[in-house]
Amino acid sequence: MTEQRKMKVACLELAKMLWKENPNQTYEEIRTHPVMRQYGNPSVFTPESFRNWAKNVSSEYAKKGGRRK
């Protein structure tokens, strides 16, 4: 597995943990979360690619479209 791929997998595992703790977070809130910045190196993802990669592990709240509260 390449270094880039390892970083992406680590980010997705952190994202899964963060959504489990608080499912009412958006993709952007997870991607910019302090824990993610410290351990996950979210710079390997653009916001669009993070959404595509994380759609299988995201919460139902994050998957809903439209304007956030």
Protein backbone atom coordinates (compact mmCIF):
# COMPACT_ATOMS: atom_id res chain seq x y z
CA MET A 1 0.00 0.00 0.00
CA THR A 2 1.35 3.44 -0.89
CA GLU A 3 1.91 6.17 1.71
CA GLN A 4 -0.93 8.23 0.20
CA ARG A 5 -3.31 5.29 0.46
CA LYS A 6 -2.27 4.64 4.09
CA MET A 7 -3.03 8.27 4.98
CA LYS A 8 -6.44 8.04 3.33
CA VAL A 9 -7.30 4.86 5.20
CA ALA A 10 -6.20 6.47 8.49
CA CYS A 11 -8.36 9.53 7.77
CA LEU A 12 -11.38 7.37 7.04
CA GLU A 13 -10.93 5.37 10.25
CA LEU A 14 -10.73 8.61 12.25
CA ALA A 15 -13.79 9.95 10.43
CA LYS A 16 -15.71 6.77 11.27
CA MET A 17 -14.78 7.18 14.96
CA LEU A 18 -15.76 10.87 14.99
CA TRP A 19 -19.14 10.17 13.37
CA LYS A 20 -19.74 7.39 15.88
CA GLU A 21 -19.14 9.87 18.72
CA ASN A 22 -21.32 12.58 17.16
CA PRO A 23 -23.39 11.63 14.12
CA ASN A 24 -24.67 15.21 13.70
CA GLN A 25 -21.50 16.43 12.00
CA THR A 26 -21.13 17.33 8.35
CA TYR A 27 -18.37 16.17 6.04
CA GLU A 28 -16.62 19.52 6.41
CA GLU A 29 -16.84 19.47 10.20
CA ILE A 30 -15.24 16.02 10.25
CA ARG A 31 -12.58 16.94 7.69
CA THR A 32 -11.53 20.02 9.69
CA HIS A 33 -11.97 18.50 13.16
CA PRO A 34 -8.93 19.11 15.46
CA VAL A 35 -8.40 15.36 15.97
CA MET A 36 -8.41 14.82 12.23
CA ARG A 37 -5.90 17.62 11.73
CA GLN A 38 -3.65 16.24 14.45
CA TYR A 39 -3.67 12.54 13.51
CA GLY A 40 -5.29 12.09 10.13
CA ASN A 41 -3.59 14.59 7.81
CA PRO A 42 -6.79 15.68 6.02
CA SER A 43 -4.73 17.55 3.42
CA VAL A 44 -4.59 14.30 1.43
CA PHE A 45 -8.24 14.97 0.54
CA THR A 46 -9.90 17.86 -1.20
CA PRO A 47 -13.37 18.53 0.25
CA GLU A 48 -14.97 16.81 -2.76
CA SER A 49 -12.74 13.76 -2.64
CA PHE A 50 -13.26 13.41 1.12
CA ARG A 51 -17.01 13.35 0.56
CA ASN A 52 -16.60 10.66 -2.10
CA TRP A 53 -14.23 8.53 -0.03
CA ALA A 54 -16.18 8.91 3.24
CA LYS A 55 -19.70 8.32 1.96
CA ASN A 56 -19.56 4.66 3.02
CA VAL A 57 -18.62 5.50 6.64
CA SER A 58 -20.52 8.77 7.12
CA SER A 59 -23.60 9.27 9.27
CA GLU A 60 -27.09 9.61 7.84
CA TYR A 61 -27.07 13.26 8.91
CA ALA A 62 -23.99 13.97 6.79
CA LYS A 63 -25.45 12.15 3.80
CA LYS A 64 -28.56 14.32 3.74
CA GLY A 65 -28.35 17.09 1.20
CA GLY A 66 -29.44 20.65 1.57
CA ARG A 67 -28.77 23.50 3.89
CA ARG A 68 -27.43 22.79 7.37
CA LYS A 69 -28.98 24.26 10.51
